[in-house]
N, C-alpha and C. Protein backbone atom coordinates (compact mmCIF):
# COMPACT_ATOMS: atom_id res chain seq x y z
N MET A 1 0.74 -1.12 -0.15
CA MET A 1 0.07 0.01 -0.02
C MET A 1 1.03 1.49 0.06
N LEU A 2 1.59 1.37 0.98
CA LEU A 2 2.72 2.73 1.02
C LEU A 2 3.25 2.33 0.03
N THR A 3 4.07 1.17 -0.49
CA THR A 3 4.75 1.14 -1.88
C THR A 3 4.00 2.19 -2.69
N ASP A 4 2.70 1.79 -3.12
CA ASP A 4 2.01 2.10 -4.17
C ASP A 4 2.31 3.64 -3.91
N LEU A 5 1.68 3.97 -2.99
CA LEU A 5 1.35 5.55 -3.17
C LEU A 5 2.80 6.64 -2.94
N LEU A 6 3.80 5.91 -2.66
CA LEU A 6 5.05 6.60 -2.98
C LEU A 6 5.39 6.51 -4.28
N ARG A 7 5.18 5.51 -4.96
CA ARG A 7 5.51 5.21 -6.44
C ARG A 7 4.78 5.96 -7.22
N ASN A 8 3.43 6.47 -6.81
CA ASN A 8 2.56 7.16 -7.87
C ASN A 8 3.33 8.39 -7.62
N ALA A 9 3.16 8.85 -6.24
CA ALA A 9 3.97 10.30 -6.03
C ALA A 9 5.09 10.56 -6.94
N SER A 10 5.98 9.50 -6.44
CA SER A 10 6.86 10.06 -7.21
C SER A 10 6.91 10.25 -8.55
N LYS A 11 6.18 9.44 -9.15
CA LYS A 11 5.90 9.51 -10.75
C LYS A 11 5.56 11.07 -10.91
N ALA A 12 4.23 11.11 -10.36
CA ALA A 12 3.41 12.77 -10.60
C ALA A 12 4.61 13.64 -10.30
N ASN A 13 5.60 13.71 -9.42
CA ASN A 13 6.51 14.78 -8.75
C ASN A 13 7.53 14.58 -9.82
N SER A 14 7.71 14.35 -10.74
CA SER A 14 9.32 13.81 -11.29
C SER A 14 10.11 15.32 -11.44
N GLN A 15 10.78 15.47 -10.60
CA GLN A 15 11.86 16.75 -10.75
C GLN A 15 13.16 16.39 -11.27
N GLN A 16 13.62 15.74 -12.41
CA GLN A 16 14.83 15.29 -12.92
C GLN A 16 15.77 14.94 -11.96
N LEU A 17 15.40 14.10 -10.76
CA LEU A 17 15.87 13.47 -9.73
C LEU A 17 16.11 12.29 -10.24
N PRO A 18 17.01 11.58 -9.61
CA PRO A 18 17.29 10.11 -9.73
C PRO A 18 15.93 9.66 -9.12
N ILE A 19 15.70 8.18 -9.48
CA ILE A 19 14.66 7.61 -9.15
C ILE A 19 14.45 7.53 -7.35
N SER A 20 15.63 7.35 -6.91
CA SER A 20 15.41 6.68 -5.29
C SER A 20 15.49 8.23 -4.49
N GLU A 21 15.46 9.48 -5.20
CA GLU A 21 15.36 10.87 -4.68
C GLU A 21 14.16 10.83 -4.64
N GLN A 22 13.43 11.26 -6.34
CA GLN A 22 12.39 11.03 -6.41
C GLN A 22 10.87 10.16 -5.26
N VAL A 23 11.08 9.29 -5.01
CA VAL A 23 10.62 8.21 -4.29
C VAL A 23 10.83 9.05 -2.63
N LEU A 24 12.12 9.38 -2.25
CA LEU A 24 12.05 10.13 -0.85
C LEU A 24 11.52 11.74 -0.82
N VAL A 25 11.24 12.31 -1.94
CA VAL A 25 10.68 13.53 -2.19
C VAL A 25 8.85 13.47 -2.28
N ALA A 26 8.73 12.21 -2.74
CA ALA A 26 7.42 11.62 -2.30
C ALA A 26 7.14 11.59 -0.96
N ALA A 27 7.46 10.82 -0.28
CA ALA A 27 7.82 10.87 1.23
C ALA A 27 7.27 12.09 2.06
N LEU A 28 8.06 13.05 1.52
CA LEU A 28 8.08 14.45 2.23
C LEU A 28 6.88 14.99 2.13
N ARG A 29 6.08 14.65 1.24
CA ARG A 29 4.88 15.28 0.46
C ARG A 29 3.43 14.59 1.11
N LEU A 30 3.53 13.52 1.03
CA LEU A 30 2.58 12.53 1.22
C LEU A 30 1.88 12.97 2.67
N VAL A 31 2.46 13.26 3.55
CA VAL A 31 2.04 13.67 5.07
C VAL A 31 1.00 15.14 4.68
N ASP A 32 1.01 15.49 3.88
CA ASP A 32 0.31 16.86 3.66
C ASP A 32 -0.78 16.47 2.35
N ASP A 33 -1.19 15.41 1.71
CA ASP A 33 -2.11 15.20 0.74
C ASP A 33 -3.44 14.53 1.64
N LYS A 34 -4.84 15.30 1.85
CA LYS A 34 -5.30 14.59 2.33
C LYS A 34 -6.02 13.73 1.69
N THR A 35 -6.12 13.49 0.51
CA THR A 35 -6.54 12.47 -0.40
C THR A 35 -5.46 11.08 0.29
N VAL A 36 -4.66 11.08 0.13
CA VAL A 36 -3.74 9.83 0.57
C VAL A 36 -4.11 9.65 1.79
N ILE A 37 -4.52 10.62 3.16
CA ILE A 37 -4.62 10.62 4.47
C ILE A 37 -5.82 9.71 4.20
N THR A 38 -6.97 10.10 4.27
CA THR A 38 -8.17 9.06 4.03
C THR A 38 -8.09 7.69 3.11
N LYS A 39 -7.14 7.89 1.98
CA LYS A 39 -7.21 6.53 0.95
C LYS A 39 -6.65 5.55 2.29
N LEU A 40 -5.55 5.84 2.84
CA LEU A 40 -4.90 5.33 3.76
C LEU A 40 -5.52 4.46 5.13
N ALA A 41 -6.43 5.48 5.67
CA ALA A 41 -7.03 5.19 6.71
C ALA A 41 -8.47 4.49 6.49
N GLN A 42 -8.72 4.35 4.94
CA GLN A 42 -10.05 3.70 4.75
C GLN A 42 -9.21 2.11 4.55
N ASP A 43 -8.26 2.12 3.59
CA ASP A 43 -7.69 0.87 3.29
C ASP A 43 -6.95 0.00 4.35
N LEU A 44 -6.41 0.63 5.60
CA LEU A 44 -5.99 0.05 6.63
C LEU A 44 -7.26 -0.08 8.01
N ALA A 45 -8.40 0.51 7.62
CA ALA A 45 -9.58 0.16 8.59
C ALA A 45 -9.15 1.01 9.90
N VAL A 46 -8.39 2.12 9.63
CA VAL A 46 -7.96 2.82 10.99
C VAL A 46 -8.37 4.12 10.93
N SER A 47 -8.53 5.10 11.79
CA SER A 47 -8.86 6.61 11.96
C SER A 47 -7.92 7.70 10.63
N SER A 48 -8.47 8.20 10.53
CA SER A 48 -7.66 9.39 9.54
C SER A 48 -6.55 10.04 10.42
N VAL A 49 -6.88 10.27 11.89
CA VAL A 49 -6.07 10.80 12.69
C VAL A 49 -4.65 9.64 12.89
N LYS A 50 -4.87 8.49 12.59
CA LYS A 50 -4.13 7.49 12.95
C LYS A 50 -2.99 7.59 11.57
N ALA A 51 -3.95 7.62 10.65
CA ALA A 51 -3.45 7.57 9.15
C ALA A 51 -2.41 8.53 8.94
N GLU A 52 -2.64 9.48 9.48
CA GLU A 52 -1.72 11.19 9.35
C GLU A 52 -0.77 10.68 10.48
N CYS A 53 -1.04 10.47 11.38
CA CYS A 53 0.27 10.47 12.38
C CYS A 53 1.44 9.42 11.83
N ASP A 54 0.81 8.40 11.46
CA ASP A 54 1.95 7.36 10.61
C ASP A 54 2.58 8.08 9.81
N LEU A 55 1.84 8.75 8.73
CA LEU A 55 2.62 9.21 7.53
C LEU A 55 3.52 10.24 7.77
N ALA A 56 2.87 11.41 9.21
CA ALA A 56 3.97 12.30 9.77
C ALA A 56 5.48 11.98 9.76
N ARG A 57 5.44 10.26 9.93
CA ARG A 57 6.70 9.60 10.40
C ARG A 57 7.70 9.45 9.43
N LEU A 58 6.76 9.38 8.07
CA LEU A 58 7.94 9.37 6.60
C LEU A 58 8.89 10.61 6.40
N PRO A 59 8.76 11.63 6.69
CA PRO A 59 9.61 12.64 6.10
C PRO A 59 11.25 12.17 7.09
N LYS A 60 10.99 12.41 8.44
CA LYS A 60 11.91 12.03 9.47
C LYS A 60 12.86 11.00 8.46
N ALA A 61 12.06 9.76 8.06
CA ALA A 61 12.77 8.40 8.07
C ALA A 61 13.40 8.59 6.16
N ALA A 62 12.68 9.17 5.69
CA ALA A 62 13.60 9.61 4.40
C ALA A 62 14.79 10.44 4.61
N ILE A 63 14.45 11.30 5.22
CA ILE A 63 16.03 12.55 5.63
C ILE A 63 17.27 11.06 6.34
N VAL A 64 16.79 10.22 6.86
CA VAL A 64 17.74 9.81 7.90
C VAL A 64 18.22 8.34 6.73
N LEU A 65 17.26 8.15 5.54
CA LEU A 65 17.74 7.23 4.46
C LEU A 65 18.60 7.97 3.44
N ALA A 66 18.74 8.84 3.23
CA ALA A 66 19.30 9.74 2.48
C ALA A 66 20.36 10.15 2.87
N ALA A 67 20.72 10.81 4.37
CA ALA A 67 21.99 11.08 5.01
C ALA A 67 22.60 10.00 5.01
N GLU A 68 22.20 8.42 4.91
CA GLU A 68 23.17 7.24 5.06
C GLU A 68 23.45 6.91 3.98
N ASN A 69 22.72 7.67 3.05
CA ASN A 69 23.19 7.12 1.65
C ASN A 69 23.61 8.41 1.00
N LYS A 70 23.97 9.26 1.48
CA LYS A 70 24.84 10.27 1.11
C LYS A 70 24.02 11.33 -0.13
N MET A 71 22.61 11.09 -0.24
CA MET A 71 22.02 12.31 -1.18
C MET A 71 21.31 13.39 -0.86
N ASN A 72 23.05 13.85 -1.18
CA ASN A 72 22.98 15.38 -1.09
C ASN A 72 21.92 16.33 -1.51
N SER A 73 21.81 16.05 -2.75
CA SER A 73 20.55 17.18 -3.43
C SER A 73 19.42 16.96 -2.95
N PHE A 74 18.63 15.58 -2.77
CA PHE A 74 17.45 15.53 -1.53
C PHE A 74 17.51 16.09 -0.35
N LEU A 75 18.77 16.03 0.39
CA LEU A 75 19.30 16.59 2.01
C LEU A 75 18.97 18.21 2.02
N GLN A 76 19.56 18.79 0.71
CA GLN A 76 19.40 19.89 0.54
C GLN A 76 17.50 20.55 0.26
N LEU A 77 17.58 19.83 -0.75
CA LEU A 77 15.99 19.92 -0.69
C LEU A 77 14.79 20.16 0.53
N ALA A 78 15.13 18.93 1.62
CA ALA A 78 14.82 18.76 2.40
C ALA A 78 14.82 20.26 3.48
N ASN A 79 16.62 20.23 3.60
CA ASN A 79 16.66 21.63 4.52
C ASN A 79 16.20 22.67 3.99
N ARG A 80 16.02 22.89 2.23
CA ARG A 80 15.56 24.28 2.25
C ARG A 80 14.01 24.27 2.41
N ASN A 81 13.14 23.20 2.52
CA ASN A 81 11.54 23.28 2.45
C ASN A 81 11.52 22.98 4.12
N GLN A 82 12.67 22.59 4.88
CA GLN A 82 12.48 22.85 6.82
C GLN A 82 11.47 21.81 6.92
N PHE A 83 11.86 20.74 6.36
CA PHE A 83 11.35 19.08 6.64
C PHE A 83 12.03 18.77 8.14
N PRO A 84 11.43 18.30 9.11
CA PRO A 84 11.72 18.42 10.03
C PRO A 84 13.40 16.95 9.78
């Protein structure tokens, strides 16, 4: 489920970045997408608050993963947009 959401969002927001970084950019933005939150809540049979809280962990995870893999252009983007 989450994989599909990330893949679809990364295709929609292609910014001439490597695919791995496109997926991480999508992870930064999914938390703000009310349609994604609603769909995730319905698919997982949880409240929208729970789905939103779970998605809110994605940006930090994406930044940690990018730092571990030295994805500097992604880290600059994340810092420029002041993601946690």
